[in-house]
PDB file of N, CA and C in Angstrom:
ATOM      1  N   MET A   1      32.156 190.886  59.446  1.00  0.00           N
ATOM      2  CA  MET A   1      32.791 189.839  58.703  1.00  0.00           C
ATOM      3  C   MET A   1      34.248 190.366  58.881  1.00  0.00           C
ATOM      4  N   LEU A   2      35.017 189.283  59.192  1.00  0.00           N
ATOM      5  CA  LEU A   2      36.645 189.520  59.319  1.00  0.00           C
ATOM      6  C   LEU A   2      37.157 189.518  57.821  1.00  0.00           C
ATOM      7  N   GLU A   3      38.081 190.426  57.624  1.00  0.00           N
ATOM      8  CA  GLU A   3      38.740 190.476  56.415  1.00  0.00           C
ATOM      9  C   GLU A   3      39.946 189.490  56.378  1.00  0.00           C
ATOM     10  N   ALA A   4      40.071 188.838  55.386  1.00  0.00           N
ATOM     11  CA  ALA A   4      41.371 188.024  55.477  1.00  0.00           C
ATOM     12  C   ALA A   4      42.663 188.781  55.234  1.00  0.00           C
ATOM     13  N   THR A   5      43.604 188.548  55.830  1.00  0.00           N
ATOM     14  CA  THR A   5      44.872 189.162  55.796  1.00  0.00           C
ATOM     15  C   THR A   5      45.974 188.363  55.072  1.00  0.00           C
ATOM     16  N   SER A   6      46.593 188.849  54.158  1.00  0.00           N
ATOM     17  CA  SER A   6      47.448 187.989  53.192  1.00  0.00           C
ATOM     18  C   SER A   6      48.730 188.289  53.917  1.00  0.00           C
ATOM     19  N   PRO A   7      49.679 187.454  53.602  1.00  0.00           N
ATOM     20  CA  PRO A   7      51.216 187.518  54.216  1.00  0.00           C
ATOM     21  C   PRO A   7      51.673 188.747  53.528  1.00  0.00           C
ATOM     22  N   THR A   8      51.410 189.331  52.354  1.00  0.00           N
ATOM     23  CA  THR A   8      51.890 190.551  52.024  1.00  0.00           C
ATOM     24  C   THR A   8      51.468 191.681  52.827  1.00  0.00           C
ATOM     25  N   LYS A   9      50.148 191.753  53.287  1.00  0.00           N
ATOM     26  CA  LYS A   9      49.451 192.732  54.151  1.00  0.00           C
ATOM     27  C   LYS A   9      50.257 192.722  55.451  1.00  0.00           C
ATOM     28  N   VAL A  10      50.530 191.457  55.846  1.00  0.00           N
ATOM     29  CA  VAL A  10      51.224 191.271  57.231  1.00  0.00           C
ATOM     30  C   VAL A  10      52.583 191.962  57.084  1.00  0.00           C
ATOM     31  N   ALA A  11      53.327 191.587  56.004  1.00  0.00           N
ATOM     32  CA  ALA A  11      54.637 192.184  55.713  1.00  0.00           C
ATOM     33  C   ALA A  11      54.491 193.585  55.620  1.00  0.00           C
ATOM     34  N   ASP A  12      53.675 194.125  54.941  1.00  0.00           N
ATOM     35  CA  ASP A  12      53.514 195.640  55.020  1.00  0.00           C
ATOM     36  C   ASP A  12      53.392 196.389  56.418  1.00  0.00           C
ATOM     37  N   ALA A  13      52.444 195.603  56.923  1.00  0.00           N
ATOM     38  CA  ALA A  13      52.177 196.252  58.429  1.00  0.00           C
ATOM     39  C   ALA A  13      53.605 196.275  59.352  1.00  0.00           C
ATOM     40  N   ILE A  14      54.436 195.186  59.262  1.00  0.00           N
ATOM     41  CA  ILE A  14      55.424 195.141  60.108  1.00  0.00           C
ATOM     42  C   ILE A  14      56.695 195.803  59.409  1.00  0.00           C
ATOM     43  N   ALA A  15      56.608 195.993  58.056  1.00  0.00           N
ATOM     44  CA  ALA A  15      57.822 196.404  57.267  1.00  0.00           C
ATOM     45  C   ALA A  15      58.600 197.682  58.025  1.00  0.00           C
ATOM     46  N   GLY A  16      59.641 197.558  57.849  1.00  0.00           N
ATOM     47  CA  GLY A  16      60.606 198.642  58.520  1.00  0.00           C
ATOM     48  C   GLY A  16      62.042 198.383  58.139  1.00  0.00           C
ATOM     49  N   ALA A  17      62.499 198.006  59.204  1.00  0.00           N
ATOM     50  CA  ALA A  17      64.122 197.709  58.792  1.00  0.00           C
ATOM     51  C   ALA A  17      64.134 196.320  58.238  1.00  0.00           C
ATOM     52  N   PRO A  18      65.327 195.993  57.485  1.00  0.00           N
ATOM     53  CA  PRO A  18      65.607 194.775  56.870  1.00  0.00           C
ATOM     54  C   PRO A  18      65.246 193.556  57.877  1.00  0.00           C
ATOM     55  N   GLN A  19      65.748 193.617  59.013  1.00  0.00           N
ATOM     56  CA  GLN A  19      65.809 192.478  60.095  1.00  0.00           C
ATOM     57  C   GLN A  19      64.245 192.294  60.357  1.00  0.00           C
ATOM     58  N   ASP A  20      63.470 193.136  60.313  1.00  0.00           N
ATOM     59  CA  ASP A  20      61.985 192.867  60.591  1.00  0.00           C
ATOM     60  C   ASP A  20      61.355 192.273  59.646  1.00  0.00           C
ATOM     61  N   LYS A  21      61.913 192.367  58.148  1.00  0.00           N
ATOM     62  CA  LYS A  21      61.395 191.518  56.992  1.00  0.00           C
ATOM     63  C   LYS A  21      61.878 190.120  57.160  1.00  0.00           C
ATOM     64  N   ARG A  22      63.359 190.082  57.510  1.00  0.00           N
ATOM     65  CA  ARG A  22      63.762 188.651  57.811  1.00  0.00           C
ATOM     66  C   ARG A  22      63.054 187.860  59.005  1.00  0.00           C
ATOM     67  N   ALA A  23      62.818 188.687  60.032  1.00  0.00           N
ATOM     68  CA  ALA A  23      61.976 188.107  61.045  1.00  0.00           C
ATOM     69  C   ALA A  23      60.673 187.526  60.613  1.00  0.00           C
ATOM     70  N   LEU A  24      59.955 188.436  59.866  1.00  0.00           N
ATOM     71  CA  LEU A  24      58.616 188.037  59.249  1.00  0.00           C
ATOM     72  C   LEU A  24      58.750 186.796  58.397  1.00  0.00           C
ATOM     73  N   THR A  25      59.779 186.677  57.605  1.00  0.00           N
ATOM     74  CA  THR A  25      60.094 185.499  56.654  1.00  0.00           C
ATOM     75  C   THR A  25      60.139 184.356  57.386  1.00  0.00           C
ATOM     76  N   VAL A  26      61.031 184.382  58.500  1.00  0.00           N
ATOM     77  CA  VAL A  26      61.095 183.283  59.380  1.00  0.00           C
ATOM     78  C   VAL A  26      59.846 182.898  60.113  1.00  0.00           C
ATOM     79  N   ALA A  27      59.044 183.768  60.579  1.00  0.00           N
ATOM     80  CA  ALA A  27      58.019 183.585  61.379  1.00  0.00           C
ATOM     81  C   ALA A  27      56.840 182.939  60.358  1.00  0.00           C
ATOM     82  N   LEU A  28      56.744 183.463  59.234  1.00  0.00           N
ATOM     83  CA  LEU A  28      55.799 182.758  58.296  1.00  0.00           C
ATOM     84  C   LEU A  28      56.263 181.429  57.960  1.00  0.00           C
ATOM     85  N   GLY A  29      57.467 181.178  57.771  1.00  0.00           N
ATOM     86  CA  GLY A  29      58.054 179.624  57.438  1.00  0.00           C
ATOM     87  C   GLY A  29      57.633 178.857  58.714  1.00  0.00           C
ATOM     88  N   PHE A  30      57.937 179.330  59.951  1.00  0.00           N
ATOM     89  CA  PHE A  30      57.534 178.540  61.185  1.00  0.00           C
ATOM     90  C   PHE A  30      56.140 178.202  61.153  1.00  0.00           C
ATOM     91  N   GLU A  31      55.306 179.123  60.997  1.00  0.00           N
ATOM     92  CA  GLU A  31      53.894 178.965  60.908  1.00  0.00           C
ATOM     93  C   GLU A  31      53.261 177.995  59.968  1.00  0.00           C
ATOM     94  N   LYS A  32      53.969 178.008  58.864  1.00  0.00           N
ATOM     95  CA  LYS A  32      53.556 177.112  57.728  1.00  0.00           C
ATOM     96  C   LYS A  32      54.041 175.677  58.074  1.00  0.00           C
ATOM     97  N   MET A  33      55.291 175.567  58.712  1.00  0.00           N
ATOM     98  CA  MET A  33      55.739 174.336  59.059  1.00  0.00           C
ATOM     99  C   MET A  33      54.837 173.614  60.199  1.00  0.00           C
ATOM    100  N   LEU A  34      54.358 174.632  61.084  1.00  0.00           N
ATOM    101  CA  LEU A  34      53.656 174.222  62.134  1.00  0.00           C
ATOM    102  C   LEU A  34      52.097 173.593  61.763  1.00  0.00           C
ATOM    103  N   VAL A  35      51.766 174.269  60.773  1.00  0.00           N
ATOM    104  CA  VAL A  35      50.357 173.857  60.245  1.00  0.00           C
ATOM    105  C   VAL A  35      50.429 172.615  59.504  1.00  0.00           C
ATOM    106  N   THR A  36      51.350 172.483  58.714  1.00  0.00           N
ATOM    107  CA  THR A  36      51.925 171.307  58.001  1.00  0.00           C
ATOM    108  C   THR A  36      51.782 170.067  59.040  1.00  0.00           C
ATOM    109  N   GLN A  37      52.743 170.246  59.974  1.00  0.00           N
ATOM    110  CA  GLN A  37      52.686 169.181  61.065  1.00  0.00           C
ATOM    111  C   GLN A  37      51.444 168.755  61.765  1.00  0.00           C
ATOM    112  N   LEU A  38      50.829 169.777  62.016  1.00  0.00           N
ATOM    113  CA  LEU A  38      49.332 169.642  62.642  1.00  0.00           C
ATOM    114  C   LEU A  38      48.424 168.866  61.764  1.00  0.00           C
ATOM    115  N   ALA A  39      48.531 169.284  60.535  1.00  0.00           N
ATOM    116  CA  ALA A  39      47.622 168.597  59.540  1.00  0.00           C
ATOM    117  C   ALA A  39      47.947 166.988  59.535  1.00  0.00           C
ATOM    118  N   LYS A  40      49.405 166.880  59.377  1.00  0.00           N
ATOM    119  CA  LYS A  40      49.743 165.424  59.431  1.00  0.00           C
ATOM    120  C   LYS A  40      49.174 164.683  60.516  1.00  0.00           C
ATOM    121  N   GLU A  41      49.226 165.260  61.762  1.00  0.00           N
ATOM    122  CA  GLU A  41      48.778 164.539  62.891  1.00  0.00           C
ATOM    123  C   GLU A  41      47.257 164.402  62.918  1.00  0.00           C
ATOM    124  N   LEU A  42      46.455 165.124  62.160  1.00  0.00           N
ATOM    125  CA  LEU A  42      45.011 165.115  62.188  1.00  0.00           C
ATOM    126  C   LEU A  42      44.500 164.114  61.077  1.00  0.00           C
ATOM    127  N   LEU A  43      45.461 163.811  60.219  1.00  0.00           N
ATOM    128  CA  LEU A  43      44.866 162.779  59.299  1.00  0.00           C
ATOM    129  C   LEU A  43      44.704 161.441  59.700  1.00  0.00           C
ATOM    130  N   PRO A  44      43.609 160.650  59.339  1.00  0.00           N
ATOM    131  CA  PRO A  44      43.620 159.261  59.975  1.00  0.00           C
ATOM    132  C   PRO A  44      44.926 158.409  59.430  1.00  0.00           C
ATOM    133  N   SER A  45      45.416 157.617  60.240  1.00  0.00           N
ATOM    134  CA  SER A  45      46.499 156.776  59.930  1.00  0.00           C
ATOM    135  C   SER A  45      46.262 155.904  58.607  1.00  0.00           C
ATOM    136  N   ASP A  46      45.080 155.422  58.256  1.00  0.00           N
ATOM    137  CA  ASP A  46      44.805 154.713  57.041  1.00  0.00           C
ATOM    138  C   ASP A  46      45.104 155.518  55.896  1.00  0.00           C
ATOM    139  N   LEU A  47      44.947 156.986  56.010  1.00  0.00           N
ATOM    140  CA  LEU A  47      45.061 157.689  54.760  1.00  0.00           C
ATOM    141  C   LEU A  47      46.549 157.945  54.368  1.00  0.00           C
ATOM    142  N   MET A  48      47.173 157.994  55.691  1.00  0.00           N
ATOM    143  CA  MET A  48      48.660 158.256  55.336  1.00  0.00           C
ATOM    144  C   MET A  48      49.551 157.051  55.038  1.00  0.00           C
ATOM    145  N   GLY A  49      48.801 156.012  54.713  1.00  0.00           N
ATOM    146  CA  GLY A  49      49.650 154.785  54.373  1.00  0.00           C
ATOM    147  C   GLY A  49      50.314 154.862  53.120  1.00  0.00           C
ATOM    148  N   ASP A  50      51.157 153.777  52.753  1.00  0.00           N
ATOM    149  CA  ASP A  50      52.154 153.750  51.609  1.00  0.00           C
ATOM    150  C   ASP A  50      51.283 153.783  50.222  1.00  0.00           C
ATOM    151  N   GLY A  51      49.913 153.307  50.184  1.00  0.00           N
ATOM    152  CA  GLY A  51      49.227 153.185  49.053  1.00  0.00           C
ATOM    153  C   GLY A  51      48.588 154.375  48.510  1.00  0.00           C
ATOM    154  N   ASN A  52      48.587 155.512  49.321  1.00  0.00           N
ATOM    155  CA  ASN A  52      47.811 156.836  48.967  1.00  0.00           C
ATOM    156  C   ASN A  52      48.812 157.720  48.300  1.00  0.00           C
ATOM    157  N   PRO A  53      48.604 157.956  47.130  1.00  0.00           N
ATOM    158  CA  PRO A  53      49.491 158.982  46.475  1.00  0.00           C
ATOM    159  C   PRO A  53      49.463 160.381  46.952  1.00  0.00           C
ATOM    160  N   TYR A  54      48.281 160.690  47.509  1.00  0.00           N
ATOM    161  CA  TYR A  54      48.053 162.128  48.129  1.00  0.00           C
ATOM    162  C   TYR A  54      48.686 162.230  49.608  1.00  0.00           C
ATOM    163  N   ALA A  55      49.018 161.240  50.214  1.00  0.00           N
ATOM    164  CA  ALA A  55      49.322 161.236  51.562  1.00  0.00           C
ATOM    165  C   ALA A  55      50.494 162.403  51.955  1.00  0.00           C
ATOM    166  N   ASP A  56      51.530 162.471  51.170  1.00  0.00           N
ATOM    167  CA  ASP A  56      52.434 163.490  51.284  1.00  0.00           C
ATOM    168  C   ASP A  56      52.041 164.814  50.982  1.00  0.00           C
ATOM    169  N   VAL A  57      51.315 165.020  50.013  1.00  0.00           N
ATOM    170  CA  VAL A  57      50.696 166.379  49.368  1.00  0.00           C
ATOM    171  C   VAL A  57      49.608 166.925  50.122  1.00  0.00           C
ATOM    172  N   LEU A  58      48.765 166.307  50.727  1.00  0.00           N
ATOM    173  CA  LEU A  58      47.703 166.779  51.415  1.00  0.00           C
ATOM    174  C   LEU A  58      47.997 167.690  52.622  1.00  0.00           C
ATOM    175  N   PRO A  59      48.822 167.526  53.575  1.00  0.00           N
ATOM    176  CA  PRO A  59      49.192 168.448  54.716  1.00  0.00           C
ATOM    177  C   PRO A  59      49.846 169.751  54.055  1.00  0.00           C
ATOM    178  N   GLY A  60      50.592 169.691  53.119  1.00  0.00           N
ATOM    179  CA  GLY A  60      51.266 170.836  52.470  1.00  0.00           C
ATOM    180  C   GLY A  60      50.261 171.683  51.719  1.00  0.00           C
ATOM    181  N   ALA A  61      49.341 171.047  50.985  1.00  0.00           N
ATOM    182  CA  ALA A  61      48.314 171.929  50.369  1.00  0.00           C
ATOM    183  C   ALA A  61      47.274 172.509  51.434  1.00  0.00           C
ATOM    184  N   PHE A  62      47.038 171.841  52.514  1.00  0.00           N
ATOM    185  CA  PHE A  62      46.192 172.343  53.556  1.00  0.00           C
ATOM    186  C   PHE A  62      46.866 173.714  53.999  1.00  0.00           C
ATOM    187  N   ALA A  63      48.286 173.501  54.376  1.00  0.00           N
ATOM    188  CA  ALA A  63      49.094 174.702  54.926  1.00  0.00           C
ATOM    189  C   ALA A  63      49.100 175.751  53.904  1.00  0.00           C
ATOM    190  N   ASP A  64      49.351 175.626  52.669  1.00  0.00           N
ATOM    191  CA  ASP A  64      49.141 176.563  51.577  1.00  0.00           C
ATOM    192  C   ASP A  64      47.935 177.320  51.513  1.00  0.00           C
ATOM    193  N   GLY A  65      46.779 176.608  51.799  1.00  0.00           N
ATOM    194  CA  GLY A  65      45.490 177.263  51.911  1.00  0.00           C
ATOM    195  C   GLY A  65      45.325 178.103  52.933  1.00  0.00           C
ATOM    196  N   ILE A  66      45.871 177.641  54.332  1.00  0.00           N
ATOM    197  CA  ILE A  66      45.858 178.499  55.365  1.00  0.00           C
ATOM    198  C   ILE A  66      46.725 179.647  55.212  1.00  0.00           C
ATOM    199  N   GLU A  67      47.841 179.434  54.565  1.00  0.00           N
ATOM    200  CA  GLU A  67      48.782 180.799  54.306  1.00  0.00           C
ATOM    201  C   GLU A  67      48.124 181.868  53.525  1.00  0.00           C
ATOM    202  N   GLN A  68      47.543 181.303  52.346  1.00  0.00           N
ATOM    203  CA  GLN A  68      46.901 182.189  51.461  1.00  0.00           C
ATOM    204  C   GLN A  68      45.688 182.995  51.980  1.00  0.00           C
ATOM    205  N   ALA A  69      45.018 182.294  53.152  1.00  0.00           N
ATOM    206  CA  ALA A  69      43.795 182.901  53.566  1.00  0.00           C
ATOM    207  C   ALA A  69      44.297 183.939  54.675  1.00  0.00           C
ATOM    208  N   GLY A  70      45.565 184.037  54.833  1.00  0.00           N
ATOM    209  CA  GLY A  70      45.978 184.984  56.031  1.00  0.00           C
ATOM    210  C   GLY A  70      46.651 184.356  57.096  1.00  0.00           C
ATOM    211  N   GLY A  71      46.916 183.092  57.166  1.00  0.00           N
ATOM    212  CA  GLY A  71      47.616 182.576  58.330  1.00  0.00           C
ATOM    213  C   GLY A  71      46.818 182.302  59.393  1.00  0.00           C
ATOM    214  N   LEU A  72      47.336 181.981  60.641  1.00  0.00           N
ATOM    215  CA  LEU A  72      46.804 181.726  61.848  1.00  0.00           C
ATOM    216  C   LEU A  72      46.783 182.931  62.552  1.00  0.00           C
ATOM    217  N   GLY A  73      47.774 183.916  62.344  1.00  0.00           N
ATOM    218  CA  GLY A  73      47.906 185.175  63.128  1.00  0.00           C
ATOM    219  C   GLY A  73      49.047 184.958  64.075  1.00  0.00           C
ATOM    220  N   LEU A  74      49.622 183.889  63.997  1.00  0.00           N
ATOM    221  CA  LEU A  74      50.916 183.500  64.860  1.00  0.00           C
ATOM    222  C   LEU A  74      52.317 184.228  64.267  1.00  0.00           C
ATOM    223  N   ALA A  75      52.414 184.411  62.913  1.00  0.00           N
ATOM    224  CA  ALA A  75      53.523 185.049  62.481  1.00  0.00           C
ATOM    225  C   ALA A  75      53.664 186.558  62.808  1.00  0.00           C
ATOM    226  N   PRO A  76      52.790 187.263  62.734  1.00  0.00           N
ATOM    227  CA  PRO A  76      53.165 188.725  63.116  1.00  0.00           C
ATOM    228  C   PRO A  76      53.699 188.858  64.583  1.00  0.00           C
ATOM    229  N   VAL A  77      53.032 188.109  65.413  1.00  0.00           N
ATOM    230  CA  VAL A  77      53.564 188.068  66.764  1.00  0.00           C
ATOM    231  C   VAL A  77      54.897 187.544  66.928  1.00  0.00           C
ATOM    232  N   LEU A  78      55.298 186.375  66.293  1.00  0.00           N
ATOM    233  CA  LEU A  78      56.488 185.876  66.227  1.00  0.00           C
ATOM    234  C   LEU A  78      57.644 186.785  65.767  1.00  0.00           C
ATOM    235  N   ALA A  79      57.091 187.665  64.580  1.00  0.00           N
ATOM    236  CA  ALA A  79      58.137 188.466  64.012  1.00  0.00           C
ATOM    237  C   ALA A  79      58.342 189.548  64.811  1.00  0.00           C
ATOM    238  N   ARG A  80      57.443 190.019  65.633  1.00  0.00           N
ATOM    239  CA  ARG A  80      57.709 191.306  66.530  1.00  0.00           C
ATOM    240  C   ARG A  80      58.795 190.839  67.646  1.00  0.00           C
ATOM    241  N   THR A  81      58.399 189.652  68.184  1.00  0.00           N
ATOM    242  CA  THR A  81      59.288 188.986  69.165  1.00  0.00           C
ATOM    243  C   THR A  81      60.777 188.757  68.544  1.00  0.00           C
ATOM    244  N   ILE A  82      60.899 188.205  67.470  1.00  0.00           N
ATOM    245  CA  ILE A  82      62.068 187.937  66.895  1.00  0.00           C
ATOM    246  C   ILE A  82      62.822 189.078  66.456  1.00  0.00           C
ATOM    247  N   GLY A  83      62.146 190.173  65.967  1.00  0.00           N
ATOM    248  CA  GLY A  83      62.452 191.442  65.567  1.00  0.00           C
ATOM    249  C   GLY A  83      62.905 192.436  66.652  1.00  0.00           C
ATOM    250  N   GLY A  84      62.529 192.042  67.794  1.00  0.00           N
ATOM    251  CA  GLY A  84      62.730 192.933  68.900  1.00  0.00           C
ATOM    252  C   GLY A  84      61.748 194.003  69.122  1.00  0.00           C
ATOM    253  N   GLN A  85      60.749 193.975  68.441  1.00  0.00           N
ATOM    254  CA  GLN A  85      59.735 195.064  68.582  1.00  0.00           C
ATOM    255  C   GLN A  85      58.690 194.603  69.689  1.00  0.00           C
ATOM    256  N   SER A  86      58.165 195.506  70.368  1.00  0.00           N
ATOM    257  CA  SER A  86      57.193 195.243  71.453  1.00  0.00           C
ATOM    258  C   SER A  86      55.806 195.578  71.041  1.00  0.00           C
TER     259      SER A  86
END
């Protein structure tokens, strides 16, 4: 069984110089924004109508859940690239 990796564990694994922490923060933000946009695209158009009070909340909640479960795994790779680590 795969163990869920939290953003904190990812941060600890990459942690070193302050620029690495900034790179990880940027990468986690990008990953969350990407998941939010993908969730919006996956929702049926009739659910995203003006009459649904949850239409704006659902993609963000989905992205938060993905983030709390350890993310997609994209953030550590991006952070190493942004931070200049190989």
